[in-house]
Amino acid sequence: MAAGSDPEERYNPYTGRRMVSGVDDTVPTAAQLGLEPPRFCEACGRRMVVQVSPDGWWAKCSRHGVVDSTALGRR
């Protein structure tokens, strides 16, 4: 099986590191408070293009599309 092809494989959207069950990955305080948009795709770990505006943000992965803060209820 090729790397990144596991459908259950997830990545930390703030650090880009692969999430491993039983291993805690630190999340920045600003992200915990909802003040920081994700910078990495949760599905593949690639760096995303992020646009922040006064009323929210959107982030785009070249493979998995756009995530918007309105979709996550953070606007």
PDB file of N, CA and C in Angstrom:
ATOM      1  N   MET A   1       0.846  -1.180   0.000  1.00  0.00           N
ATOM      2  CA  MET A   1       0.000   0.000   0.000  1.00  0.00           C
ATOM      3  C   MET A   1       0.889   1.240   0.000  1.00  0.00           C
ATOM      4  N   ALA A   2       0.590   2.191  -0.859  1.00  0.00           N
ATOM      5  CA  ALA A   2       1.400   3.405  -0.980  1.00  0.00           C
ATOM      6  C   ALA A   2       1.148   4.335   0.196  1.00  0.00           C
ATOM      7  N   ALA A   3       2.160   5.131   0.513  1.00  0.00           N
ATOM      8  CA  ALA A   3       2.020   6.099   1.602  1.00  0.00           C
ATOM      9  C   ALA A   3       0.917   7.091   1.271  1.00  0.00           C
ATOM     10  N   GLY A   4       0.064   7.380   2.257  1.00  0.00           N
ATOM     11  CA  GLY A   4      -1.009   8.344   2.057  1.00  0.00           C
ATOM     12  C   GLY A   4      -2.254   7.758   1.429  1.00  0.00           C
ATOM     13  N   SER A   5      -2.267   6.447   1.111  1.00  0.00           N
ATOM     14  CA  SER A   5      -3.434   5.866   0.470  1.00  0.00           C
ATOM     15  C   SER A   5      -4.385   5.207   1.468  1.00  0.00           C
ATOM     16  N   ASP A   6      -4.019   5.127   2.737  1.00  0.00           N
ATOM     17  CA  ASP A   6      -4.863   4.561   3.769  1.00  0.00           C
ATOM     18  C   ASP A   6      -6.030   5.503   4.025  1.00  0.00           C
ATOM     19  N   PRO A   7      -7.281   5.054   3.831  1.00  0.00           N
ATOM     20  CA  PRO A   7      -8.420   5.955   4.009  1.00  0.00           C
ATOM     21  C   PRO A   7      -8.595   6.414   5.459  1.00  0.00           C
ATOM     22  N   GLU A   8      -8.026   5.706   6.415  1.00  0.00           N
ATOM     23  CA  GLU A   8      -8.133   6.080   7.819  1.00  0.00           C
ATOM     24  C   GLU A   8      -6.992   6.990   8.266  1.00  0.00           C
ATOM     25  N   GLU A   9      -6.002   7.198   7.420  1.00  0.00           N
ATOM     26  CA  GLU A   9      -4.855   8.030   7.775  1.00  0.00           C
ATOM     27  C   GLU A   9      -5.286   9.488   7.844  1.00  0.00           C
ATOM     28  N   ARG A  10      -4.963  10.161   8.962  1.00  0.00           N
ATOM     29  CA  ARG A  10      -5.319  11.563   9.159  1.00  0.00           C
ATOM     30  C   ARG A  10      -4.079  12.342   9.552  1.00  0.00           C
ATOM     31  N   TYR A  11      -4.115  13.639   9.288  1.00  0.00           N
ATOM     32  CA  TYR A  11      -2.994  14.517   9.603  1.00  0.00           C
ATOM     33  C   TYR A  11      -3.496  15.671  10.471  1.00  0.00           C
ATOM     34  N   ASN A  12      -2.631  16.160  11.340  1.00  0.00           N
ATOM     35  CA  ASN A  12      -2.963  17.293  12.187  1.00  0.00           C
ATOM     36  C   ASN A  12      -3.064  18.528  11.292  1.00  0.00           C
ATOM     37  N   PRO A  13      -4.202  19.229  11.293  1.00  0.00           N
ATOM     38  CA  PRO A  13      -4.381  20.376  10.398  1.00  0.00           C
ATOM     39  C   PRO A  13      -3.557  21.608  10.785  1.00  0.00           C
ATOM     40  N   TYR A  14      -2.914  21.574  11.941  1.00  0.00           N
ATOM     41  CA  TYR A  14      -2.119  22.721  12.392  1.00  0.00           C
ATOM     42  C   TYR A  14      -0.617  22.466  12.316  1.00  0.00           C
ATOM     43  N   THR A  15      -0.219  21.191  12.367  1.00  0.00           N
ATOM     44  CA  THR A  15       1.208  20.872  12.315  1.00  0.00           C
ATOM     45  C   THR A  15       1.597  20.095  11.065  1.00  0.00           C
ATOM     46  N   GLY A  16       0.640  19.423  10.432  1.00  0.00           N
ATOM     47  CA  GLY A  16       0.917  18.623   9.241  1.00  0.00           C
ATOM     48  C   GLY A  16       1.456  17.232   9.549  1.00  0.00           C
ATOM     49  N   ARG A  17       1.610  16.904  10.827  1.00  0.00           N
ATOM     50  CA  ARG A  17       2.132  15.578  11.199  1.00  0.00           C
ATOM     51  C   ARG A  17       1.027  14.534  11.154  1.00  0.00           C
ATOM     52  N   ARG A  18       1.417  13.318  10.754  1.00  0.00           N
ATOM     53  CA  ARG A  18       0.465  12.209  10.714  1.00  0.00           C
ATOM     54  C   ARG A  18       0.002  11.910  12.131  1.00  0.00           C
ATOM     55  N   MET A  19      -1.307  11.733  12.294  1.00  0.00           N
ATOM     56  CA  MET A  19      -1.868  11.438  13.611  1.00  0.00           C
ATOM     57  C   MET A  19      -1.779   9.942  13.863  1.00  0.00           C
ATOM     58  N   VAL A  20      -1.238   9.587  15.021  1.00  0.00           N
ATOM     59  CA  VAL A  20      -1.084   8.195  15.420  1.00  0.00           C
ATOM     60  C   VAL A  20      -1.913   7.990  16.675  1.00  0.00           C
ATOM     61  N   SER A  21      -2.747   6.953  16.678  1.00  0.00           N
ATOM     62  CA  SER A  21      -3.585   6.725  17.858  1.00  0.00           C
ATOM     63  C   SER A  21      -2.707   6.428  19.066  1.00  0.00           C
ATOM     64  N   GLY A  22      -3.071   7.020  20.177  1.00  0.00           N
ATOM     65  CA  GLY A  22      -2.324   6.831  21.410  1.00  0.00           C
ATOM     66  C   GLY A  22      -1.170   7.799  21.594  1.00  0.00           C
ATOM     67  N   VAL A  23      -0.886   8.612  20.570  1.00  0.00           N
ATOM     68  CA  VAL A  23       0.196   9.594  20.654  1.00  0.00           C
ATOM     69  C   VAL A  23      -0.415  10.982  20.540  1.00  0.00           C
ATOM     70  N   ASP A  24      -0.210  11.795  21.569  1.00  0.00           N
ATOM     71  CA  ASP A  24      -0.742  13.151  21.556  1.00  0.00           C
ATOM     72  C   ASP A  24       0.136  14.062  20.714  1.00  0.00           C
ATOM     73  N   ASP A  25      -0.499  14.873  19.879  1.00  0.00           N
ATOM     74  CA  ASP A  25       0.205  15.870  19.076  1.00  0.00           C
ATOM     75  C   ASP A  25      -0.263  17.228  19.572  1.00  0.00           C
ATOM     76  N   THR A  26       0.666  18.079  19.910  1.00  0.00           N
ATOM     77  CA  THR A  26       0.299  19.377  20.465  1.00  0.00           C
ATOM     78  C   THR A  26      -0.403  20.237  19.418  1.00  0.00           C
ATOM     79  N   VAL A  27      -1.427  20.919  19.866  1.00  0.00           N
ATOM     80  CA  VAL A  27      -2.168  21.859  19.024  1.00  0.00           C
ATOM     81  C   VAL A  27      -1.891  23.248  19.585  1.00  0.00           C
ATOM     82  N   PRO A  28      -1.492  24.191  18.739  1.00  0.00           N
ATOM     83  CA  PRO A  28      -1.212  25.543  19.222  1.00  0.00           C
ATOM     84  C   PRO A  28      -2.403  26.128  19.996  1.00  0.00           C
ATOM     85  N   THR A  29      -2.118  26.924  20.999  1.00  0.00           N
ATOM     86  CA  THR A  29      -3.163  27.516  21.840  1.00  0.00           C
ATOM     87  C   THR A  29      -4.151  28.323  21.015  1.00  0.00           C
ATOM     88  N   ALA A  30      -3.666  29.103  20.062  1.00  0.00           N
ATOM     89  CA  ALA A  30      -4.564  29.900  19.217  1.00  0.00           C
ATOM     90  C   ALA A  30      -5.534  29.004  18.448  1.00  0.00           C
ATOM     91  N   ALA A  31      -5.072  27.846  18.014  1.00  0.00           N
ATOM     92  CA  ALA A  31      -5.934  26.908  17.299  1.00  0.00           C
ATOM     93  C   ALA A  31      -6.971  26.312  18.252  1.00  0.00           C
ATOM     94  N   GLN A  32      -6.564  26.011  19.479  1.00  0.00           N
ATOM     95  CA  GLN A  32      -7.498  25.485  20.471  1.00  0.00           C
ATOM     96  C   GLN A  32      -8.611  26.486  20.758  1.00  0.00           C
ATOM     97  N   LEU A  33      -8.285  27.768  20.702  1.00  0.00           N
ATOM     98  CA  LEU A  33      -9.268  28.818  20.953  1.00  0.00           C
ATOM     99  C   LEU A  33     -10.101  29.166  19.716  1.00  0.00           C
ATOM    100  N   GLY A  34      -9.782  28.536  18.579  1.00  0.00           N
ATOM    101  CA  GLY A  34     -10.509  28.805  17.344  1.00  0.00           C
ATOM    102  C   GLY A  34     -10.045  30.055  16.626  1.00  0.00           C
ATOM    103  N   LEU A  35      -8.865  30.551  16.966  1.00  0.00           N
ATOM    104  CA  LEU A  35      -8.358  31.782  16.365  1.00  0.00           C
ATOM    105  C   LEU A  35      -7.419  31.532  15.187  1.00  0.00           C
ATOM    106  N   GLU A  36      -7.017  30.313  14.989  1.00  0.00           N
ATOM    107  CA  GLU A  36      -6.046  29.967  13.943  1.00  0.00           C
ATOM    108  C   GLU A  36      -6.695  29.017  12.945  1.00  0.00           C
ATOM    109  N   PRO A  37      -6.670  29.332  11.644  1.00  0.00           N
ATOM    110  CA  PRO A  37      -7.217  28.402  10.654  1.00  0.00           C
ATOM    111  C   PRO A  37      -6.275  27.217  10.452  1.00  0.00           C
ATOM    112  N   PRO A  38      -6.777  26.119   9.924  1.00  0.00           N
ATOM    113  CA  PRO A  38      -5.894  24.986   9.628  1.00  0.00           C
ATOM    114  C   PRO A  38      -4.930  25.364   8.515  1.00  0.00           C
ATOM    115  N   ARG A  39      -3.723  24.873   8.579  1.00  0.00           N
ATOM    116  CA  ARG A  39      -2.708  25.177   7.570  1.00  0.00           C
ATOM    117  C   ARG A  39      -2.351  23.960   6.718  1.00  0.00           C
ATOM    118  N   PHE A  40      -2.743  22.774   7.173  1.00  0.00           N
ATOM    119  CA  PHE A  40      -2.436  21.535   6.473  1.00  0.00           C
ATOM    120  C   PHE A  40      -3.716  20.738   6.266  1.00  0.00           C
ATOM    121  N   CYS A  41      -3.782  20.008   5.162  1.00  0.00           N
ATOM    122  CA  CYS A  41      -4.943  19.179   4.848  1.00  0.00           C
ATOM    123  C   CYS A  41      -4.986  17.978   5.796  1.00  0.00           C
ATOM    124  N   GLU A  42      -6.158  17.714   6.385  1.00  0.00           N
ATOM    125  CA  GLU A  42      -6.298  16.571   7.293  1.00  0.00           C
ATOM    126  C   GLU A  42      -6.241  15.249   6.554  1.00  0.00           C
ATOM    127  N   ALA A  43      -6.576  15.247   5.274  1.00  0.00           N
ATOM    128  CA  ALA A  43      -6.613  14.009   4.505  1.00  0.00           C
ATOM    129  C   ALA A  43      -5.248  13.584   3.971  1.00  0.00           C
ATOM    130  N   CYS A  44      -4.389  14.573   3.606  1.00  0.00           N
ATOM    131  CA  CYS A  44      -3.122  14.210   2.966  1.00  0.00           C
ATOM    132  C   CYS A  44      -1.893  14.868   3.595  1.00  0.00           C
ATOM    133  N   GLY A  45      -2.079  15.845   4.465  1.00  0.00           N
ATOM    134  CA  GLY A  45      -0.949  16.498   5.125  1.00  0.00           C
ATOM    135  C   GLY A  45      -0.261  17.569   4.296  1.00  0.00           C
ATOM    136  N   ARG A  46      -0.796  17.860   3.102  1.00  0.00           N
ATOM    137  CA  ARG A  46      -0.191  18.906   2.264  1.00  0.00           C
ATOM    138  C   ARG A  46      -0.505  20.292   2.824  1.00  0.00           C
ATOM    139  N   ARG A  47       0.417  21.209   2.592  1.00  0.00           N
ATOM    140  CA  ARG A  47       0.219  22.605   2.985  1.00  0.00           C
ATOM    141  C   ARG A  47      -0.906  23.181   2.146  1.00  0.00           C
ATOM    142  N   MET A  48      -1.813  23.925   2.755  1.00  0.00           N
ATOM    143  CA  MET A  48      -2.948  24.500   2.041  1.00  0.00           C
ATOM    144  C   MET A  48      -2.757  26.002   1.842  1.00  0.00           C
ATOM    145  N   VAL A  49      -3.449  26.530   0.843  1.00  0.00           N
ATOM    146  CA  VAL A  49      -3.523  27.973   0.622  1.00  0.00           C
ATOM    147  C   VAL A  49      -4.607  28.471   1.565  1.00  0.00           C
ATOM    148  N   VAL A  50      -4.292  29.447   2.418  1.00  0.00           N
ATOM    149  CA  VAL A  50      -5.241  29.927   3.419  1.00  0.00           C
ATOM    150  C   VAL A  50      -5.487  31.417   3.218  1.00  0.00           C
ATOM    151  N   GLN A  51      -6.758  31.802   3.268  1.00  0.00           N
ATOM    152  CA  GLN A  51      -7.140  33.204   3.189  1.00  0.00           C
ATOM    153  C   GLN A  51      -7.938  33.545   4.440  1.00  0.00           C
ATOM    154  N   VAL A  52      -7.468  34.528   5.186  1.00  0.00           N
ATOM    155  CA  VAL A  52      -8.149  34.966   6.408  1.00  0.00           C
ATOM    156  C   VAL A  52      -8.795  36.313   6.139  1.00  0.00           C
ATOM    157  N   SER A  53     -10.048  36.461   6.568  1.00  0.00           N
ATOM    158  CA  SER A  53     -10.755  37.726   6.435  1.00  0.00           C
ATOM    159  C   SER A  53     -11.324  38.095   7.812  1.00  0.00           C
ATOM    160  N   PRO A  54     -11.833  39.307   7.960  1.00  0.00           N
ATOM    161  CA  PRO A  54     -12.363  39.711   9.270  1.00  0.00           C
ATOM    162  C   PRO A  54     -13.500  38.821   9.788  1.00  0.00           C
ATOM    163  N   ASP A  55     -14.248  38.202   8.877  1.00  0.00           N
ATOM    164  CA  ASP A  55     -15.384  37.393   9.318  1.00  0.00           C
ATOM    165  C   ASP A  55     -15.155  35.886   9.207  1.00  0.00           C
ATOM    166  N   GLY A  56     -13.938  35.441   8.956  1.00  0.00           N
ATOM    167  CA  GLY A  56     -13.660  34.004   8.879  1.00  0.00           C
ATOM    168  C   GLY A  56     -12.438  33.690   8.046  1.00  0.00           C
ATOM    169  N   TRP A  57     -12.409  32.473   7.495  1.00  0.00           N
ATOM    170  CA  TRP A  57     -11.272  32.034   6.685  1.00  0.00           C
ATOM    171  C   TRP A  57     -11.721  30.910   5.762  1.00  0.00           C
ATOM    172  N   TRP A  58     -10.904  30.646   4.745  1.00  0.00           N
ATOM    173  CA  TRP A  58     -11.048  29.443   3.928  1.00  0.00           C
ATOM    174  C   TRP A  58      -9.658  28.900   3.671  1.00  0.00           C
ATOM    175  N   ALA A  59      -9.571  27.595   3.472  1.00  0.00           N
ATOM    176  CA  ALA A  59      -8.307  26.919   3.203  1.00  0.00           C
ATOM    177  C   ALA A  59      -8.522  25.939   2.059  1.00  0.00           C
ATOM    178  N   LYS A  60      -7.581  25.914   1.104  1.00  0.00           N
ATOM    179  CA  LYS A  60      -7.750  25.085  -0.085  1.00  0.00           C
ATOM    180  C   LYS A  60      -6.590  24.113  -0.244  1.00  0.00           C
ATOM    181  N   CYS A  61      -6.921  22.834  -0.325  1.00  0.00           N
ATOM    182  CA  CYS A  61      -5.949  21.779  -0.633  1.00  0.00           C
ATOM    183  C   CYS A  61      -6.017  21.525  -2.136  1.00  0.00           C
ATOM    184  N   SER A  62      -4.870  21.364  -2.761  1.00  0.00           N
ATOM    185  CA  SER A  62      -4.846  21.141  -4.207  1.00  0.00           C
ATOM    186  C   SER A  62      -5.490  19.806  -4.592  1.00  0.00           C
ATOM    187  N   ARG A  63      -5.598  18.885  -3.657  1.00  0.00           N
ATOM    188  CA  ARG A  63      -6.190  17.573  -3.948  1.00  0.00           C
ATOM    189  C   ARG A  63      -7.598  17.390  -3.388  1.00  0.00           C
ATOM    190  N   HIS A  64      -7.900  18.041  -2.249  1.00  0.00           N
ATOM    191  CA  HIS A  64      -9.147  17.754  -1.553  1.00  0.00           C
ATOM    192  C   HIS A  64     -10.122  18.923  -1.474  1.00  0.00           C
ATOM    193  N   GLY A  65      -9.808  20.031  -2.114  1.00  0.00           N
ATOM    194  CA  GLY A  65     -10.757  21.132  -2.196  1.00  0.00           C
ATOM    195  C   GLY A  65     -10.681  22.131  -1.057  1.00  0.00           C
ATOM    196  N   VAL A  66     -11.796  22.844  -0.867  1.00  0.00           N
ATOM    197  CA  VAL A  66     -11.842  23.979   0.045  1.00  0.00           C
ATOM    198  C   VAL A  66     -12.565  23.615   1.343  1.00  0.00           C
ATOM    199  N   VAL A  67     -12.018  24.094   2.454  1.00  0.00           N
ATOM    200  CA  VAL A  67     -12.671  24.036   3.760  1.00  0.00           C
ATOM    201  C   VAL A  67     -12.918  25.483   4.154  1.00  0.00           C
ATOM    202  N   ASP A  68     -14.139  25.775   4.583  1.00  0.00           N
ATOM    203  CA  ASP A  68     -14.506  27.145   4.935  1.00  0.00           C
ATOM    204  C   ASP A  68     -14.936  27.181   6.398  1.00  0.00           C
ATOM    205  N   SER A  69     -14.614  28.255   7.085  1.00  0.00           N
ATOM    206  CA  SER A  69     -14.983  28.356   8.493  1.00  0.00           C
ATOM    207  C   SER A  69     -16.486  28.338   8.694  1.00  0.00           C
ATOM    208  N   THR A  70     -17.269  28.740   7.690  1.00  0.00           N
ATOM    209  CA  THR A  70     -18.727  28.685   7.831  1.00  0.00           C
ATOM    210  C   THR A  70     -19.213  27.241   7.883  1.00  0.00           C
ATOM    211  N   ALA A  71     -18.557  26.360   7.145  1.00  0.00           N
ATOM    212  CA  ALA A  71     -18.931  24.947   7.146  1.00  0.00           C
ATOM    213  C   ALA A  71     -18.647  24.296   8.494  1.00  0.00           C
ATOM    214  N   LEU A  72     -17.674  24.838   9.233  1.00  0.00           N
ATOM    215  CA  LEU A  72     -17.325  24.285  10.539  1.00  0.00           C
ATOM    216  C   LEU A  72     -18.003  25.031  11.676  1.00  0.00           C
ATOM    217  N   GLY A  73     -18.849  26.004  11.336  1.00  0.00           N
ATOM    218  CA  GLY A  73     -19.562  26.766  12.356  1.00  0.00           C
ATOM    219  C   GLY A  73     -18.671  27.692  13.155  1.00  0.00           C
ATOM    220  N   ARG A  74     -17.620  28.215  12.519  1.00  0.00           N
ATOM    221  CA  ARG A  74     -16.677  29.078  13.227  1.00  0.00           C
ATOM    222  C   ARG A  74     -16.717  30.520  12.727  1.00  0.00           C
ATOM    223  N   ARG A  75     -17.789  30.936  12.115  1.00  0.00           N
ATOM    224  CA  ARG A  75     -17.943  32.329  11.686  1.00  0.00           C
ATOM    225  C   ARG A  75     -18.977  33.000  12.506  1.00  0.00           C
TER     226      ARG A  75
END
